Amino acid sequence: MQIEILATRGETVTALEFPEPGRMRVIVQMGTPSETLATVCRSALHPEVLTQVIRLWADPDHCRQFEELGRNLLIRDCA
């Protein structure tokens, strides 16, 4: 499954989208601490997927691609 994070500016409620089969997008407000993101997503995601989301969001050593979308930022794995 391809996981991507859409970091948005302004008031945003964390949400999950499945824009197409095999792809999941987490929408989160920029600056959200990883602990808060984990707490919100824990009940909806399998632990392995949650770990991938948190690494993509907060691990500076994790290989990531960034794409600016207006005022927002799309974050994807390098692979």
PDB file of N, CA and C in Angstrom:
ATOM      1  N   MET A   1       0.836  -1.175   0.000  1.00  0.00           N
ATOM      2  CA  MET A   1       0.000   0.000   0.000  1.00  0.00           C
ATOM      3  C   MET A   1       0.882   1.239   0.000  1.00  0.00           C
ATOM      4  N   GLN A   2       0.577   2.165  -0.882  1.00  0.00           N
ATOM      5  CA  GLN A   2       1.297   3.427  -0.920  1.00  0.00           C
ATOM      6  C   GLN A   2       0.647   4.367   0.093  1.00  0.00           C
ATOM      7  N   ILE A   3       1.480   4.910   0.964  1.00  0.00           N
ATOM      8  CA  ILE A   3       0.998   5.831   1.991  1.00  0.00           C
ATOM      9  C   ILE A   3       1.552   7.215   1.684  1.00  0.00           C
ATOM     10  N   GLU A   4       0.684   8.220   1.778  1.00  0.00           N
ATOM     11  CA  GLU A   4       1.127   9.586   1.622  1.00  0.00           C
ATOM     12  C   GLU A   4       0.444  10.441   2.677  1.00  0.00           C
ATOM     13  N   ILE A   5       1.109  11.525   3.015  1.00  0.00           N
ATOM     14  CA  ILE A   5       0.573  12.446   4.009  1.00  0.00           C
ATOM     15  C   ILE A   5       0.388  13.801   3.344  1.00  0.00           C
ATOM     16  N   LEU A   6      -0.792  14.366   3.516  1.00  0.00           N
ATOM     17  CA  LEU A   6      -1.057  15.714   3.049  1.00  0.00           C
ATOM     18  C   LEU A   6      -1.069  16.614   4.280  1.00  0.00           C
ATOM     19  N   ALA A   7      -0.005  17.398   4.425  1.00  0.00           N
ATOM     20  CA  ALA A   7       0.110  18.327   5.540  1.00  0.00           C
ATOM     21  C   ALA A   7      -0.494  19.656   5.107  1.00  0.00           C
ATOM     22  N   THR A   8      -1.490  20.117   5.850  1.00  0.00           N
ATOM     23  CA  THR A   8      -2.210  21.318   5.469  1.00  0.00           C
ATOM     24  C   THR A   8      -1.983  22.440   6.470  1.00  0.00           C
ATOM     25  N   ARG A   9      -2.077  23.649   5.979  1.00  0.00           N
ATOM     26  CA  ARG A   9      -1.989  24.824   6.853  1.00  0.00           C
ATOM     27  C   ARG A   9      -3.397  25.173   7.323  1.00  0.00           C
ATOM     28  N   GLY A  10      -3.470  25.736   8.515  1.00  0.00           N
ATOM     29  CA  GLY A  10      -4.767  26.135   9.054  1.00  0.00           C
ATOM     30  C   GLY A  10      -5.431  24.992   9.799  1.00  0.00           C
ATOM     31  N   GLU A  11      -6.580  25.281  10.342  1.00  0.00           N
ATOM     32  CA  GLU A  11      -7.313  24.296  11.130  1.00  0.00           C
ATOM     33  C   GLU A  11      -7.691  23.094  10.262  1.00  0.00           C
ATOM     34  N   THR A  12      -7.241  21.921  10.662  1.00  0.00           N
ATOM     35  CA  THR A  12      -7.497  20.701   9.918  1.00  0.00           C
ATOM     36  C   THR A  12      -7.809  19.577  10.893  1.00  0.00           C
ATOM     37  N   VAL A  13      -8.837  18.822  10.604  1.00  0.00           N
ATOM     38  CA  VAL A  13      -9.150  17.626  11.374  1.00  0.00           C
ATOM     39  C   VAL A  13      -8.431  16.469  10.694  1.00  0.00           C
ATOM     40  N   THR A  14      -7.668  15.700  11.455  1.00  0.00           N
ATOM     41  CA  THR A  14      -6.949  14.552  10.886  1.00  0.00           C
ATOM     42  C   THR A  14      -7.952  13.579  10.287  1.00  0.00           C
ATOM     43  N   ALA A  15      -7.667  13.147   9.055  1.00  0.00           N
ATOM     44  CA  ALA A  15      -8.585  12.258   8.351  1.00  0.00           C
ATOM     45  C   ALA A  15      -7.800  11.289   7.472  1.00  0.00           C
ATOM     46  N   LEU A  16      -8.449  10.210   7.095  1.00  0.00           N
ATOM     47  CA  LEU A  16      -7.890   9.220   6.172  1.00  0.00           C
ATOM     48  C   LEU A  16      -8.702   9.245   4.892  1.00  0.00           C
ATOM     49  N   GLU A  17      -8.016   9.165   3.758  1.00  0.00           N
ATOM     50  CA  GLU A  17      -8.667   9.060   2.452  1.00  0.00           C
ATOM     51  C   GLU A  17      -8.081   7.861   1.723  1.00  0.00           C
ATOM     52  N   PHE A  18      -8.867   7.260   0.890  1.00  0.00           N
ATOM     53  CA  PHE A  18      -8.418   6.173   0.031  1.00  0.00           C
ATOM     54  C   PHE A  18      -8.770   6.565  -1.399  1.00  0.00           C
ATOM     55  N   PRO A  19      -7.929   7.421  -2.031  1.00  0.00           N
ATOM     56  CA  PRO A  19      -8.258   7.969  -3.348  1.00  0.00           C
ATOM     57  C   PRO A  19      -8.325   6.931  -4.461  1.00  0.00           C
ATOM     58  N   GLU A  20      -7.652   5.814  -4.274  1.00  0.00           N
ATOM     59  CA  GLU A  20      -7.707   4.718  -5.251  1.00  0.00           C
ATOM     60  C   GLU A  20      -7.221   3.455  -4.558  1.00  0.00           C
ATOM     61  N   PRO A  21      -7.533   2.288  -5.099  1.00  0.00           N
ATOM     62  CA  PRO A  21      -7.083   1.046  -4.464  1.00  0.00           C
ATOM     63  C   PRO A  21      -5.558   1.021  -4.306  1.00  0.00           C
ATOM     64  N   GLY A  22      -5.114   0.605  -3.139  1.00  0.00           N
ATOM     65  CA  GLY A  22      -3.679   0.495  -2.881  1.00  0.00           C
ATOM     66  C   GLY A  22      -3.013   1.796  -2.466  1.00  0.00           C
ATOM     67  N   ARG A  23      -3.791   2.855  -2.260  1.00  0.00           N
ATOM     68  CA  ARG A  23      -3.216   4.142  -1.868  1.00  0.00           C
ATOM     69  C   ARG A  23      -4.031   4.740  -0.723  1.00  0.00           C
ATOM     70  N   MET A  24      -3.324   5.155   0.318  1.00  0.00           N
ATOM     71  CA  MET A  24      -3.961   5.775   1.469  1.00  0.00           C
ATOM     72  C   MET A  24      -3.324   7.137   1.701  1.00  0.00           C
ATOM     73  N   ARG A  25      -4.153   8.115   1.992  1.00  0.00           N
ATOM     74  CA  ARG A  25      -3.656   9.462   2.279  1.00  0.00           C
ATOM     75  C   ARG A  25      -4.124   9.863   3.672  1.00  0.00           C
ATOM     76  N   VAL A  26      -3.175  10.318   4.487  1.00  0.00           N
ATOM     77  CA  VAL A  26      -3.487  10.850   5.803  1.00  0.00           C
ATOM     78  C   VAL A  26      -3.442  12.365   5.685  1.00  0.00           C
ATOM     79  N   ILE A  27      -4.513  13.020   6.076  1.00  0.00           N
ATOM     80  CA  ILE A  27      -4.570  14.480   6.047  1.00  0.00           C
ATOM     81  C   ILE A  27      -4.379  14.964   7.474  1.00  0.00           C
ATOM     82  N   VAL A  28      -3.404  15.837   7.654  1.00  0.00           N
ATOM     83  CA  VAL A  28      -3.053  16.285   9.000  1.00  0.00           C
ATOM     84  C   VAL A  28      -2.619  17.752   8.945  1.00  0.00           C
ATOM     85  N   GLN A  29      -2.836  18.449  10.016  1.00  0.00           N
ATOM     86  CA  GLN A  29      -2.420  19.849  10.105  1.00  0.00           C
ATOM     87  C   GLN A  29      -0.908  19.921  10.316  1.00  0.00           C
ATOM     88  N   MET A  30      -0.253  20.829   9.583  1.00  0.00           N
ATOM     89  CA  MET A  30       1.193  21.019   9.765  1.00  0.00           C
ATOM     90  C   MET A  30       1.489  21.315  11.231  1.00  0.00           C
ATOM     91  N   GLY A  31       2.567  20.751  11.711  1.00  0.00           N
ATOM     92  CA  GLY A  31       2.981  20.988  13.085  1.00  0.00           C
ATOM     93  C   GLY A  31       2.384  20.047  14.102  1.00  0.00           C
ATOM     94  N   THR A  32       1.532  19.132  13.674  1.00  0.00           N
ATOM     95  CA  THR A  32       0.932  18.173  14.604  1.00  0.00           C
ATOM     96  C   THR A  32       2.023  17.249  15.143  1.00  0.00           C
ATOM     97  N   PRO A  33       2.146  17.135  16.470  1.00  0.00           N
ATOM     98  CA  PRO A  33       3.155  16.219  17.035  1.00  0.00           C
ATOM     99  C   PRO A  33       2.853  14.773  16.641  1.00  0.00           C
ATOM    100  N   SER A  34       3.898  13.987  16.465  1.00  0.00           N
ATOM    101  CA  SER A  34       3.717  12.595  16.056  1.00  0.00           C
ATOM    102  C   SER A  34       2.909  11.800  17.081  1.00  0.00           C
ATOM    103  N   GLU A  35       3.037  12.134  18.372  1.00  0.00           N
ATOM    104  CA  GLU A  35       2.273  11.435  19.405  1.00  0.00           C
ATOM    105  C   GLU A  35       0.772  11.683  19.228  1.00  0.00           C
ATOM    106  N   THR A  36       0.412  12.909  18.866  1.00  0.00           N
ATOM    107  CA  THR A  36      -0.992  13.239  18.636  1.00  0.00           C
ATOM    108  C   THR A  36      -1.509  12.508  17.400  1.00  0.00           C
ATOM    109  N   LEU A  37      -0.719  12.496  16.343  1.00  0.00           N
ATOM    110  CA  LEU A  37      -1.105  11.784  15.133  1.00  0.00           C
ATOM    111  C   LEU A  37      -1.303  10.297  15.423  1.00  0.00           C
ATOM    112  N   ALA A  38      -0.403   9.717  16.180  1.00  0.00           N
ATOM    113  CA  ALA A  38      -0.508   8.298  16.528  1.00  0.00           C
ATOM    114  C   ALA A  38      -1.772   8.018  17.338  1.00  0.00           C
ATOM    115  N   THR A  39      -2.075   8.887  18.290  1.00  0.00           N
ATOM    116  CA  THR A  39      -3.263   8.706  19.125  1.00  0.00           C
ATOM    117  C   THR A  39      -4.533   8.755  18.287  1.00  0.00           C
ATOM    118  N   VAL A  40      -4.606   9.704  17.368  1.00  0.00           N
ATOM    119  CA  VAL A  40      -5.799   9.862  16.533  1.00  0.00           C
ATOM    120  C   VAL A  40      -5.971   8.678  15.580  1.00  0.00           C
ATOM    121  N   CYS A  41      -4.879   8.187  15.013  1.00  0.00           N
ATOM    122  CA  CYS A  41      -4.948   7.131  13.991  1.00  0.00           C
ATOM    123  C   CYS A  41      -4.916   5.715  14.544  1.00  0.00           C
ATOM    124  N   ARG A  42      -4.563   5.551  15.799  1.00  0.00           N
ATOM    125  CA  ARG A  42      -4.347   4.215  16.372  1.00  0.00           C
ATOM    126  C   ARG A  42      -5.548   3.285  16.201  1.00  0.00           C
ATOM    127  N   SER A  43      -6.747   3.796  16.410  1.00  0.00           N
ATOM    128  CA  SER A  43      -7.923   2.912  16.340  1.00  0.00           C
ATOM    129  C   SER A  43      -8.306   2.564  14.901  1.00  0.00           C
ATOM    130  N   ALA A  44      -7.833   3.337  13.917  1.00  0.00           N
ATOM    131  CA  ALA A  44      -8.231   3.115  12.530  1.00  0.00           C
ATOM    132  C   ALA A  44      -7.209   2.341  11.705  1.00  0.00           C
ATOM    133  N   LEU A  45      -5.961   2.284  12.173  1.00  0.00           N
ATOM    134  CA  LEU A  45      -4.894   1.682  11.366  1.00  0.00           C
ATOM    135  C   LEU A  45      -4.275   0.474  12.046  1.00  0.00           C
ATOM    136  N   HIS A  46      -3.887  -0.495  11.241  1.00  0.00           N
ATOM    137  CA  HIS A  46      -3.123  -1.652  11.718  1.00  0.00           C
ATOM    138  C   HIS A  46      -1.805  -1.123  12.284  1.00  0.00           C
ATOM    139  N   PRO A  47      -1.270  -1.708  13.352  1.00  0.00           N
ATOM    140  CA  PRO A  47      -0.035  -1.196  13.967  1.00  0.00           C
ATOM    141  C   PRO A  47       1.133  -1.023  12.987  1.00  0.00           C
ATOM    142  N   GLU A  48       1.281  -1.941  12.024  1.00  0.00           N
ATOM    143  CA  GLU A  48       2.380  -1.806  11.052  1.00  0.00           C
ATOM    144  C   GLU A  48       2.183  -0.584  10.154  1.00  0.00           C
ATOM    145  N   VAL A  49       0.955  -0.334   9.744  1.00  0.00           N
ATOM    146  CA  VAL A  49       0.662   0.823   8.903  1.00  0.00           C
ATOM    147  C   VAL A  49       0.846   2.104   9.712  1.00  0.00           C
ATOM    148  N   LEU A  50       0.399   2.098  10.960  1.00  0.00           N
ATOM    149  CA  LEU A  50       0.582   3.258  11.827  1.00  0.00           C
ATOM    150  C   LEU A  50       2.067   3.587  11.991  1.00  0.00           C
ATOM    151  N   THR A  51       2.893   2.579  12.154  1.00  0.00           N
ATOM    152  CA  THR A  51       4.338   2.786  12.265  1.00  0.00           C
ATOM    153  C   THR A  51       4.884   3.440  11.005  1.00  0.00           C
ATOM    154  N   GLN A  52       4.424   2.998   9.841  1.00  0.00           N
ATOM    155  CA  GLN A  52       4.867   3.598   8.573  1.00  0.00           C
ATOM    156  C   GLN A  52       4.443   5.065   8.483  1.00  0.00           C
ATOM    157  N   VAL A  53       3.218   5.361   8.893  1.00  0.00           N
ATOM    158  CA  VAL A  53       2.718   6.738   8.858  1.00  0.00           C
ATOM    159  C   VAL A  53       3.566   7.634   9.758  1.00  0.00           C
ATOM    160  N   ILE A  54       3.841   7.180  10.964  1.00  0.00           N
ATOM    161  CA  ILE A  54       4.623   7.980  11.911  1.00  0.00           C
ATOM    162  C   ILE A  54       6.050   8.182  11.402  1.00  0.00           C
ATOM    163  N   ARG A  55       6.656   7.150  10.832  1.00  0.00           N
ATOM    164  CA  ARG A  55       8.005   7.309  10.270  1.00  0.00           C
ATOM    165  C   ARG A  55       7.999   8.317   9.128  1.00  0.00           C
ATOM    166  N   LEU A  56       7.008   8.232   8.258  1.00  0.00           N
ATOM    167  CA  LEU A  56       6.898   9.154   7.141  1.00  0.00           C
ATOM    168  C   LEU A  56       6.698  10.586   7.639  1.00  0.00           C
ATOM    169  N   TRP A  57       5.963  10.746   8.716  1.00  0.00           N
ATOM    170  CA  TRP A  57       5.655  12.065   9.251  1.00  0.00           C
ATOM    171  C   TRP A  57       6.817  12.649  10.056  1.00  0.00           C
ATOM    172  N   ALA A  58       7.498  11.836  10.852  1.00  0.00           N
ATOM    173  CA  ALA A  58       8.381  12.418  11.861  1.00  0.00           C
ATOM    174  C   ALA A  58       9.828  11.948  11.866  1.00  0.00           C
ATOM    175  N   ASP A  59      10.191  10.943  11.093  1.00  0.00           N
ATOM    176  CA  ASP A  59      11.557  10.412  11.138  1.00  0.00           C
ATOM    177  C   ASP A  59      12.431  11.134  10.103  1.00  0.00           C
ATOM    178  N   PRO A  60      13.349  11.995  10.564  1.00  0.00           N
ATOM    179  CA  PRO A  60      14.173  12.749   9.619  1.00  0.00           C
ATOM    180  C   PRO A  60      15.114  11.867   8.793  1.00  0.00           C
ATOM    181  N   ASP A  61      15.379  10.645   9.250  1.00  0.00           N
ATOM    182  CA  ASP A  61      16.257   9.741   8.515  1.00  0.00           C
ATOM    183  C   ASP A  61      15.506   8.876   7.500  1.00  0.00           C
ATOM    184  N   HIS A  62      14.188   8.948   7.516  1.00  0.00           N
ATOM    185  CA  HIS A  62      13.368   8.174   6.573  1.00  0.00           C
ATOM    186  C   HIS A  62      13.390   8.889   5.224  1.00  0.00           C
ATOM    187  N   CYS A  63      13.636   8.157   4.157  1.00  0.00           N
ATOM    188  CA  CYS A  63      13.692   8.745   2.819  1.00  0.00           C
ATOM    189  C   CYS A  63      12.288   9.170   2.388  1.00  0.00           C
ATOM    190  N   ARG A  64      12.135  10.485   2.131  1.00  0.00           N
ATOM    191  CA  ARG A  64      10.823  11.032   1.782  1.00  0.00           C
ATOM    192  C   ARG A  64      10.934  11.964   0.588  1.00  0.00           C
ATOM    193  N   GLN A  65       9.832  12.080  -0.138  1.00  0.00           N
ATOM    194  CA  GLN A  65       9.697  13.055  -1.220  1.00  0.00           C
ATOM    195  C   GLN A  65       8.668  14.078  -0.782  1.00  0.00           C
ATOM    196  N   PHE A  66       8.953  15.339  -1.085  1.00  0.00           N
ATOM    197  CA  PHE A  66       8.042  16.415  -0.722  1.00  0.00           C
ATOM    198  C   PHE A  66       7.570  17.113  -1.993  1.00  0.00           C
ATOM    199  N   GLU A  67       6.277  17.372  -2.053  1.00  0.00           N
ATOM    200  CA  GLU A  67       5.705  18.081  -3.197  1.00  0.00           C
ATOM    201  C   GLU A  67       4.796  19.188  -2.662  1.00  0.00           C
ATOM    202  N   GLU A  68       5.105  20.418  -3.028  1.00  0.00           N
ATOM    203  CA  GLU A  68       4.270  21.537  -2.605  1.00  0.00           C
ATOM    204  C   GLU A  68       3.002  21.569  -3.443  1.00  0.00           C
ATOM    205  N   LEU A  69       1.870  21.674  -2.772  1.00  0.00           N
ATOM    206  CA  LEU A  69       0.568  21.780  -3.424  1.00  0.00           C
ATOM    207  C   LEU A  69      -0.085  23.060  -2.913  1.00  0.00           C
ATOM    208  N   GLY A  70       0.252  24.165  -3.522  1.00  0.00           N
ATOM    209  CA  GLY A  70      -0.238  25.443  -3.013  1.00  0.00           C
ATOM    210  C   GLY A  70       0.367  25.703  -1.643  1.00  0.00           C
ATOM    211  N   ARG A  71      -0.478  25.897  -0.668  1.00  0.00           N
ATOM    212  CA  ARG A  71      -0.008  26.117   0.713  1.00  0.00           C
ATOM    213  C   ARG A  71       0.217  24.816   1.463  1.00  0.00           C
ATOM    214  N   ASN A  72      -0.096  23.703   0.852  1.00  0.00           N
ATOM    215  CA  ASN A  72       0.002  22.397   1.506  1.00  0.00           C
ATOM    216  C   ASN A  72       1.223  21.634   1.035  1.00  0.00           C
ATOM    217  N   LEU A  73       1.543  20.546   1.718  1.00  0.00           N
ATOM    218  CA  LEU A  73       2.714  19.748   1.400  1.00  0.00           C
ATOM    219  C   LEU A  73       2.326  18.278   1.358  1.00  0.00           C
ATOM    220  N   LEU A  74       2.633  17.618   0.247  1.00  0.00           N
ATOM    221  CA  LEU A  74       2.378  16.183   0.097  1.00  0.00           C
ATOM    222  C   LEU A  74       3.684  15.450   0.360  1.00  0.00           C
ATOM    223  N   ILE A  75       3.634  14.476   1.247  1.00  0.00           N
ATOM    224  CA  ILE A  75       4.821  13.723   1.649  1.00  0.00           C
ATOM    225  C   ILE A  75       4.617  12.261   1.253  1.00  0.00           C
ATOM    226  N   ARG A  76       5.612  11.705   0.540  1.00  0.00           N
ATOM    227  CA  ARG A  76       5.552  10.297   0.095  1.00  0.00           C
ATOM    228  C   ARG A  76       6.881   9.615   0.405  1.00  0.00           C
ATOM    229  N   ASP A  77       6.840   8.279   0.462  1.00  0.00           N
ATOM    230  CA  ASP A  77       8.072   7.493   0.556  1.00  0.00           C
ATOM    231  C   ASP A  77       8.867   7.680  -0.716  1.00  0.00           C
ATOM    232  N   CYS A  78      10.187   7.545  -0.620  1.00  0.00           N
ATOM    233  CA  CYS A  78      11.062   7.656  -1.792  1.00  0.00           C
ATOM    234  C   CYS A  78      10.870   6.505  -2.764  1.00  0.00           C
ATOM    235  N   ALA A  79      10.539   5.342  -2.245  1.00  0.00           N
ATOM    236  CA  ALA A  79      10.463   4.149  -3.092  1.00  0.00           C
ATOM    237  C   ALA A  79       9.433   4.221  -4.116  1.00  0.00           C
TER     238      ALA A  79
END
